[in-house]
C-alpha atoms as a PDB file:
ATOM      1  CA  MET A   1      41.620 -43.773 -20.679  1.00  0.00           C
ATOM      2  CA  ALA A   2      41.613 -43.178 -16.934  1.00  0.00           C
ATOM      3  CA  ASN A   3      44.781 -41.070 -17.193  1.00  0.00           C
ATOM      4  CA  ILE A   4      43.248 -39.014 -20.013  1.00  0.00           C
ATOM      5  CA  ALA A   5      40.104 -38.436 -17.906  1.00  0.00           C
ATOM      6  CA  LYS A   6      42.217 -37.331 -14.933  1.00  0.00           C
ATOM      7  CA  PHE A   7      44.252 -34.991 -17.141  1.00  0.00           C
ATOM      8  CA  GLY A   8      41.043 -33.485 -18.597  1.00  0.00           C
ATOM      9  CA  ALA A   9      39.611 -32.955 -15.125  1.00  0.00           C
ATOM     10  CA  LYS A  10      42.801 -31.180 -14.023  1.00  0.00           C
ATOM     11  CA  VAL A  11      42.727 -28.903 -17.095  1.00  0.00           C
ATOM     12  CA  LEU A  12      39.094 -27.985 -16.419  1.00  0.00           C
ATOM     13  CA  LEU A  13      39.868 -27.306 -12.751  1.00  0.00           C
ATOM     14  CA  VAL A  14      42.844 -25.072 -13.581  1.00  0.00           C
ATOM     15  CA  SER A  15      40.797 -23.192 -16.196  1.00  0.00           C
ATOM     16  CA  ALA A  16      37.979 -22.631 -13.723  1.00  0.00           C
ATOM     17  CA  LEU A  17      40.382 -21.368 -11.065  1.00  0.00           C
ATOM     18  CA  ALA A  18      42.068 -19.044 -13.557  1.00  0.00           C
ATOM     19  CA  SER A  19      38.722 -17.644 -14.689  1.00  0.00           C
ATOM     20  CA  SER A  20      37.623 -17.125 -11.086  1.00  0.00           C
ATOM     21  CA  ALA A  21      40.871 -15.353 -10.250  1.00  0.00           C
ATOM     22  CA  ALA A  22      40.526 -13.084 -13.283  1.00  0.00           C
ATOM     23  CA  LEU A  23      36.952 -12.201 -12.369  1.00  0.00           C
ATOM     24  CA  ALA A  24      37.878 -11.595  -8.742  1.00  0.00           C
ATOM     25  CA  GLU A  25      40.706  -9.286  -9.814  1.00  0.00           C
ATOM     26  CA  GLY A  26      38.334  -7.025 -11.772  1.00  0.00           C
ATOM     27  CA  ALA A  27      35.469  -7.076  -9.284  1.00  0.00           C
ATOM     28  CA  PHE A  28      34.530  -3.909  -7.399  1.00  0.00           C
ATOM     29  CA  VAL A  29      32.064  -2.617  -4.818  1.00  0.00           C
ATOM     30  CA  GLY A  30      31.061   0.992  -4.337  1.00  0.00           C
ATOM     31  CA  LEU A  31      29.132   3.650  -2.445  1.00  0.00           C
ATOM     32  CA  GLU A  32      27.413   6.555  -4.170  1.00  0.00           C
ATOM     33  CA  GLY A  33      25.545   9.716  -3.233  1.00  0.00           C
ATOM     34  CA  GLY A  34      24.060  12.596  -5.145  1.00  0.00           C
ATOM     35  CA  PHE A  35      21.586  15.448  -5.369  1.00  0.00           C
ATOM     36  CA  ASN A  36      18.862  15.423  -8.016  1.00  0.00           C
ATOM     37  CA  GLN A  37      16.204  17.771  -9.329  1.00  0.00           C
ATOM     38  CA  ARG A  38      12.972  15.803  -9.679  1.00  0.00           C
ATOM     39  CA  LYS A  39       9.638  16.281 -11.326  1.00  0.00           C
ATOM     40  CA  ALA A  40       6.491  14.157 -11.120  1.00  0.00           C
ATOM     41  CA  SER A  41       4.105  14.391 -14.063  1.00  0.00           C
ATOM     42  CA  LEU A  42       0.424  14.384 -13.038  1.00  0.00           C
ATOM     43  CA  ASP A  43      -2.372  12.961 -15.145  1.00  0.00           C
ATOM     44  CA  SER A  44      -4.937  15.263 -16.762  1.00  0.00           C
ATOM     45  CA  GLU A  45      -7.406  14.918 -13.882  1.00  0.00           C
ATOM     46  CA  LEU A  46      -4.955  16.228 -11.268  1.00  0.00           C
ATOM     47  CA  SER A  47      -3.148  18.686 -13.556  1.00  0.00           C
ATOM     48  CA  ASP A  48      -6.390  20.674 -13.906  1.00  0.00           C
ATOM     49  CA  THR A  49      -5.946  21.631 -10.227  1.00  0.00           C
ATOM     50  CA  PHE A  50      -2.238  21.185  -9.456  1.00  0.00           C
ATOM     51  CA  SER A  51       0.933  22.059 -11.346  1.00  0.00           C
ATOM     52  CA  ASP A  52       3.463  19.223 -11.698  1.00  0.00           C
ATOM     53  CA  PRO A  53       5.376  18.950  -8.398  1.00  0.00           C
ATOM     54  CA  LYS A  54       9.118  19.704  -8.549  1.00  0.00           C
ATOM     55  CA  ASP A  55      11.776  19.482  -5.865  1.00  0.00           C
ATOM     56  CA  GLY A  56      15.409  18.652  -5.131  1.00  0.00           C
ATOM     57  CA  ALA A  57      16.303  15.617  -3.022  1.00  0.00           C
ATOM     58  CA  PHE A  58      19.212  13.354  -2.143  1.00  0.00           C
ATOM     59  CA  GLU A  59      20.072   9.855  -3.339  1.00  0.00           C
ATOM     60  CA  PHE A  60      22.242   7.196  -1.647  1.00  0.00           C
ATOM     61  CA  GLY A  61      23.296   3.900  -3.187  1.00  0.00           C
ATOM     62  CA  LEU A  62      25.381   0.729  -3.153  1.00  0.00           C
ATOM     63  CA  LYS A  63      26.677  -1.196  -6.146  1.00  0.00           C
ATOM     64  CA  ALA A  64      28.913  -4.116  -7.152  1.00  0.00           C
ATOM     65  CA  GLY A  65      30.231  -5.112 -10.532  1.00  0.00           C
ATOM     66  CA  GLN A  66      33.004  -6.272 -12.795  1.00  0.00           C
ATOM     67  CA  ASP A  67      35.603  -4.068 -14.501  1.00  0.00           C
ATOM     68  CA  PHE A  68      36.855  -5.339 -17.869  1.00  0.00           C
ATOM     69  CA  GLY A  69      39.186  -2.413 -18.563  1.00  0.00           C
ATOM     70  CA  SER A  70      37.443  -0.263 -21.147  1.00  0.00           C
ATOM     71  CA  PHE A  71      33.950  -1.158 -19.937  1.00  0.00           C
ATOM     72  CA  ARG A  72      32.242  -2.404 -16.801  1.00  0.00           C
ATOM     73  CA  VAL A  73      28.926  -3.931 -15.773  1.00  0.00           C
ATOM     74  CA  TRP A  74      27.277  -3.492 -12.394  1.00  0.00           C
ATOM     75  CA  GLY A  75      24.178  -3.997 -10.299  1.00  0.00           C
ATOM     76  CA  GLY A  76      23.033  -1.868  -7.404  1.00  0.00           C
ATOM     77  CA  TYR A  77      20.426  -0.360  -5.124  1.00  0.00           C
ATOM     78  CA  SER A  78      19.649   3.296  -4.452  1.00  0.00           C
ATOM     79  CA  TYR A  79      17.260   5.154  -2.165  1.00  0.00           C
ATOM     80  CA  ARG A  80      15.866   8.516  -3.235  1.00  0.00           C
ATOM     81  CA  THR A  81      14.700  10.622  -0.329  1.00  0.00           C
ATOM     82  CA  LYS A  82      11.375  12.434  -0.288  1.00  0.00           C
ATOM     83  CA  ALA A  83      10.749  15.160  -2.846  1.00  0.00           C
ATOM     84  CA  SER A  84       7.672  17.318  -2.285  1.00  0.00           C
ATOM     85  CA  GLU A  85       5.778  20.456  -3.205  1.00  0.00           C
ATOM     86  CA  ASP A  86       3.228  22.494  -1.251  1.00  0.00           C
ATOM     87  CA  TYR A  87       0.038  24.057  -2.635  1.00  0.00           C
ATOM     88  CA  SER A  88      -2.299  26.574  -1.008  1.00  0.00           C
ATOM     89  CA  PHE A  89      -5.835  27.510  -2.024  1.00  0.00           C
ATOM     90  CA  ALA A  90      -7.882  30.271  -0.391  1.00  0.00           C
ATOM     91  CA  GLY A  91     -11.358  31.648  -1.040  1.00  0.00           C
ATOM     92  CA  PRO A  92     -14.469  33.043   0.624  1.00  0.00           C
ATOM     93  CA  GLY A  93     -15.304  29.601   2.051  1.00  0.00           C
ATOM     94  CA  GLY A  94     -11.922  28.970   3.693  1.00  0.00           C
ATOM     95  CA  ASN A  95      -8.444  27.739   2.889  1.00  0.00           C
ATOM     96  CA  ILE A  96      -6.773  24.440   2.005  1.00  0.00           C
ATOM     97  CA  ASP A  97      -3.072  23.467   2.186  1.00  0.00           C
ATOM     98  CA  VAL A  98      -1.860  20.411   0.267  1.00  0.00           C
ATOM     99  CA  GLU A  99       1.521  18.637   0.255  1.00  0.00           C
ATOM    100  CA  MET A 100       2.323  16.173  -2.544  1.00  0.00           C
ATOM    101  CA  SER A 101       5.447  14.019  -2.100  1.00  0.00           C
ATOM    102  CA  TRP A 102       7.178  10.943  -3.532  1.00  0.00           C
ATOM    103  CA  LYS A 103      10.246   8.807  -2.819  1.00  0.00           C
ATOM    104  CA  SER A 104      11.609   5.545  -4.245  1.00  0.00           C
ATOM    105  CA  HIS A 105      13.725   2.432  -3.811  1.00  0.00           C
ATOM    106  CA  ASN A 106      15.560   1.531  -7.036  1.00  0.00           C
ATOM    107  CA  PHE A 107      17.070  -1.843  -8.027  1.00  0.00           C
ATOM    108  CA  LEU A 108      19.350  -1.295 -11.009  1.00  0.00           C
ATOM    109  CA  VAL A 109      21.666  -2.953 -13.536  1.00  0.00           C
ATOM    110  CA  GLY A 110      23.957  -0.960 -15.770  1.00  0.00           C
ATOM    111  CA  ALA A 111      26.873  -0.935 -18.186  1.00  0.00           C
ATOM    112  CA  ASP A 112      29.514   1.785 -18.645  1.00  0.00           C
ATOM    113  CA  TYR A 113      32.005   2.489 -21.408  1.00  0.00           C
ATOM    114  CA  THR A 114      35.175   3.637 -19.612  1.00  0.00           C
ATOM    115  CA  PRO A 115      37.960   4.648 -22.040  1.00  0.00           C
ATOM    116  CA  SER A 116      41.254   5.813 -20.518  1.00  0.00           C
ATOM    117  CA  ILE A 117      41.999   9.528 -20.886  1.00  0.00           C
ATOM    118  CA  THR A 118      45.224   9.508 -18.861  1.00  0.00           C
ATOM    119  CA  GLU A 119      47.042   6.871 -16.826  1.00  0.00           C
ATOM    120  CA  SER A 120      44.856   7.557 -13.762  1.00  0.00           C
ATOM    121  CA  PHE A 121      41.657   8.988 -15.263  1.00  0.00           C
ATOM    122  CA  LYS A 122      38.851   7.354 -17.255  1.00  0.00           C
ATOM    123  CA  ALA A 123      35.720   8.803 -18.827  1.00  0.00           C
ATOM    124  CA  VAL A 124      32.343   7.230 -18.062  1.00  0.00           C
ATOM    125  CA  LEU A 125      29.505   6.939 -20.567  1.00  0.00           C
ATOM    126  CA  GLY A 126      26.843   4.603 -19.273  1.00  0.00           C
ATOM    127  CA  ALA A 127      23.229   3.491 -19.256  1.00  0.00           C
ATOM    128  CA  TYR A 128      21.130   1.705 -16.656  1.00  0.00           C
ATOM    129  CA  THR A 129      17.679   0.234 -16.149  1.00  0.00           C
ATOM    130  CA  GLY A 130      15.767  -1.574 -13.454  1.00  0.00           C
ATOM    131  CA  LEU A 131      12.797  -1.500 -11.121  1.00  0.00           C
ATOM    132  CA  ALA A 132      11.696   1.535  -9.101  1.00  0.00           C
ATOM    133  CA  ILE A 133       9.343   1.077  -6.143  1.00  0.00           C
ATOM    134  CA  THR A 134       7.770   4.507  -5.682  1.00  0.00           C
ATOM    135  CA  LYS A 135       5.639   5.717  -2.780  1.00  0.00           C
ATOM    136  CA  ALA A 136       3.535   8.851  -3.314  1.00  0.00           C
ATOM    137  CA  GLU A 137       1.590  10.722  -0.625  1.00  0.00           C
ATOM    138  CA  ILE A 138      -0.934  13.535  -0.620  1.00  0.00           C
ATOM    139  CA  LYS A 139      -1.656  15.349   2.651  1.00  0.00           C
ATOM    140  CA  GLY A 140      -4.322  18.022   2.928  1.00  0.00           C
ATOM    141  CA  ASN A 141      -5.615  20.169   5.766  1.00  0.00           C
ATOM    142  CA  GLY A 142      -7.440  23.438   6.198  1.00  0.00           C
ATOM    143  CA  LYS A 143     -10.698  25.105   7.201  1.00  0.00           C
ATOM    144  CA  VAL A 144     -13.826  25.176   5.050  1.00  0.00           C
ATOM    145  CA  LEU A 145     -17.027  26.942   6.160  1.00  0.00           C
ATOM    146  CA  GLY A 146     -15.659  27.081   9.688  1.00  0.00           C
ATOM    147  CA  TYR A 147     -14.810  23.374   9.930  1.00  0.00           C
ATOM    148  CA  ASP A 148     -11.249  22.096  10.316  1.00  0.00           C
ATOM    149  CA  PHE A 149     -10.324  19.020   8.301  1.00  0.00           C
ATOM    150  CA  SER A 150      -7.300  16.813   7.580  1.00  0.00           C
ATOM    151  CA  GLU A 151      -6.990  14.126   4.911  1.00  0.00           C
ATOM    152  CA  ASN A 152      -4.049  11.861   3.993  1.00  0.00           C
ATOM    153  CA  GLY A 153      -3.596   9.317   1.222  1.00  0.00           C
ATOM    154  CA  SER A 154      -0.702   7.226  -0.102  1.00  0.00           C
ATOM    155  CA  GLU A 155       0.023   4.637  -2.771  1.00  0.00           C
ATOM    156  CA  THR A 156       3.042   2.437  -3.512  1.00  0.00           C
ATOM    157  CA  SER A 157       3.699   0.816  -6.876  1.00  0.00           C
ATOM    158  CA  ALA A 158       6.532  -0.584  -8.999  1.00  0.00           C
ATOM    159  CA  GLY A 159       7.577   0.517 -12.479  1.00  0.00           C
ATOM    160  CA  ALA A 160      10.504   0.529 -14.869  1.00  0.00           C
ATOM    161  CA  VAL A 161      13.302   3.098 -14.686  1.00  0.00           C
ATOM    162  CA  VAL A 162      15.798   3.855 -17.497  1.00  0.00           C
ATOM    163  CA  GLY A 163      18.654   6.340 -17.409  1.00  0.00           C
ATOM    164  CA  VAL A 164      22.003   7.536 -18.715  1.00  0.00           C
ATOM    165  CA  ARG A 165      25.076   8.981 -17.031  1.00  0.00           C
ATOM    166  CA  LEU A 166      28.243  10.812 -18.020  1.00  0.00           C
ATOM    167  CA  GLY A 167      31.273  11.360 -15.816  1.00  0.00           C
ATOM    168  CA  GLY A 168      34.758  10.286 -14.889  1.00  0.00           C
ATOM    169  CA  ILE A 169      36.748   7.891 -12.705  1.00  0.00           C
ATOM    170  CA  TYR A 170      39.926   8.972 -10.937  1.00  0.00           C
ATOM    171  CA  GLU A 171      42.137   6.084  -9.828  1.00  0.00           C
ATOM    172  CA  ILE A 172      43.853   6.854  -6.511  1.00  0.00           C
ATOM    173  CA  ASP A 173      45.744   3.568  -6.575  1.00  0.00           C
ATOM    174  CA  LYS A 174      45.204   0.003  -7.788  1.00  0.00           C
ATOM    175  CA  SER A 175      42.354  -0.657  -5.338  1.00  0.00           C
ATOM    176  CA  ASN A 176      40.734   2.731  -4.722  1.00  0.00           C
ATOM    177  CA  GLU A 177      38.957   5.110  -7.080  1.00  0.00           C
ATOM    178  CA  ILE A 178      36.645   8.111  -7.005  1.00  0.00           C
ATOM    179  CA  GLU A 179      33.765   8.335  -9.469  1.00  0.00           C
ATOM    180  CA  PHE A 180      31.719  11.453 -10.256  1.00  0.00           C
ATOM    181  CA  GLY A 181      29.423  12.830 -12.929  1.00  0.00           C
ATOM    182  CA  VAL A 182      25.866  13.689 -13.916  1.00  0.00           C
ATOM    183  CA  LYS A 183      22.920  11.437 -14.684  1.00  0.00           C
ATOM    184  CA  SER A 184      19.303  11.593 -15.767  1.00  0.00           C
ATOM    185  CA  ASP A 185      16.498   9.036 -15.786  1.00  0.00           C
ATOM    186  CA  TYR A 186      12.821   8.415 -16.427  1.00  0.00           C
ATOM    187  CA  THR A 187      10.509   6.318 -14.224  1.00  0.00           C
ATOM    188  CA  LYS A 188       7.130   4.860 -15.093  1.00  0.00           C
ATOM    189  CA  THR A 189       5.639   4.920 -11.595  1.00  0.00           C
ATOM    190  CA  GLY A 190       2.486   2.800 -11.944  1.00  0.00           C
ATOM    191  CA  ILE A 191       0.761   5.131  -9.465  1.00  0.00           C
ATOM    192  CA  ASP A 192      -2.718   6.520 -10.139  1.00  0.00           C
ATOM    193  CA  GLY A 193      -2.497  10.254 -10.779  1.00  0.00           C
ATOM    194  CA  ILE A 194       1.294  10.330 -11.165  1.00  0.00           C
ATOM    195  CA  ASP A 195       2.029   8.792 -14.538  1.00  0.00           C
ATOM    196  CA  LYS A 196       5.805   9.243 -14.567  1.00  0.00           C
ATOM    197  CA  ALA A 197       8.732  10.909 -12.802  1.00  0.00           C
ATOM    198  CA  THR A 198      11.958  12.350 -14.180  1.00  0.00           C
ATOM    199  CA  SER A 199      15.224  13.118 -12.419  1.00  0.00           C
ATOM    200  CA  TYR A 200      18.564  14.738 -13.243  1.00  0.00           C
ATOM    201  CA  GLY A 201      21.533  15.754 -11.128  1.00  0.00           C
ATOM    202  CA  ALA A 202      25.106  15.168  -9.991  1.00  0.00           C
ATOM    203  CA  TYR A 203      26.609  12.183  -8.191  1.00  0.00           C
ATOM    204  CA  VAL A 204      29.906  11.228  -6.546  1.00  0.00           C
ATOM    205  CA  GLY A 205      31.047   7.848  -5.316  1.00  0.00           C
ATOM    206  CA  TYR A 206      33.864   5.653  -4.063  1.00  0.00           C
ATOM    207  CA  ASN A 207      34.768   2.230  -5.496  1.00  0.00           C
ATOM    208  CA  TYR A 208      37.000  -0.460  -4.014  1.00  0.00           C
ATOM    209  CA  LYS A 209      38.560  -2.815  -6.584  1.00  0.00           C
ATOM    210  CA  PHE A 210      39.683  -6.313  -5.662  1.00  0.00           C
END
């Protein structure tokens, strides 16, 4: 019985090591950057005065995952730099300038279908979701009835983000690959006055495969 137990333990150990080696072989880490067009949708109270703010801004991210050949799963973080829009109002009583801006930290998980097109090129069709921590700011200044004024306000909140992406992966060699494509997503911000935000644009990245 003791010999059987020892044999079973050895089999389990070998299986575990083999599984770990297989997972390690398909693991990858990556860097990603992109440029997106963004739009924040204002609630009815603010939209009576302001149009929905739109702007282009950059995004930088890190990710790590597992490649299973024709599909891969990953988790990552991205930072979207400030997007903003300026508004000006003038009348007999004076003038007011307003800047509305927003930026976010995104914690994501995703899955991609990656069929081979050629020996060194794969297509990417993927989806992702996660948590977006968005910070919105409104800054106003101007002169009304001869008096200068300045007013600032900000709010930070967390909400869900969901998105899709389409692109390609070019394999330089066994360990290095370039990824590129387009993506679009929707964020429920949780911020008063800014109900949701949408984004679409292009991205490019580098992945190192173990």
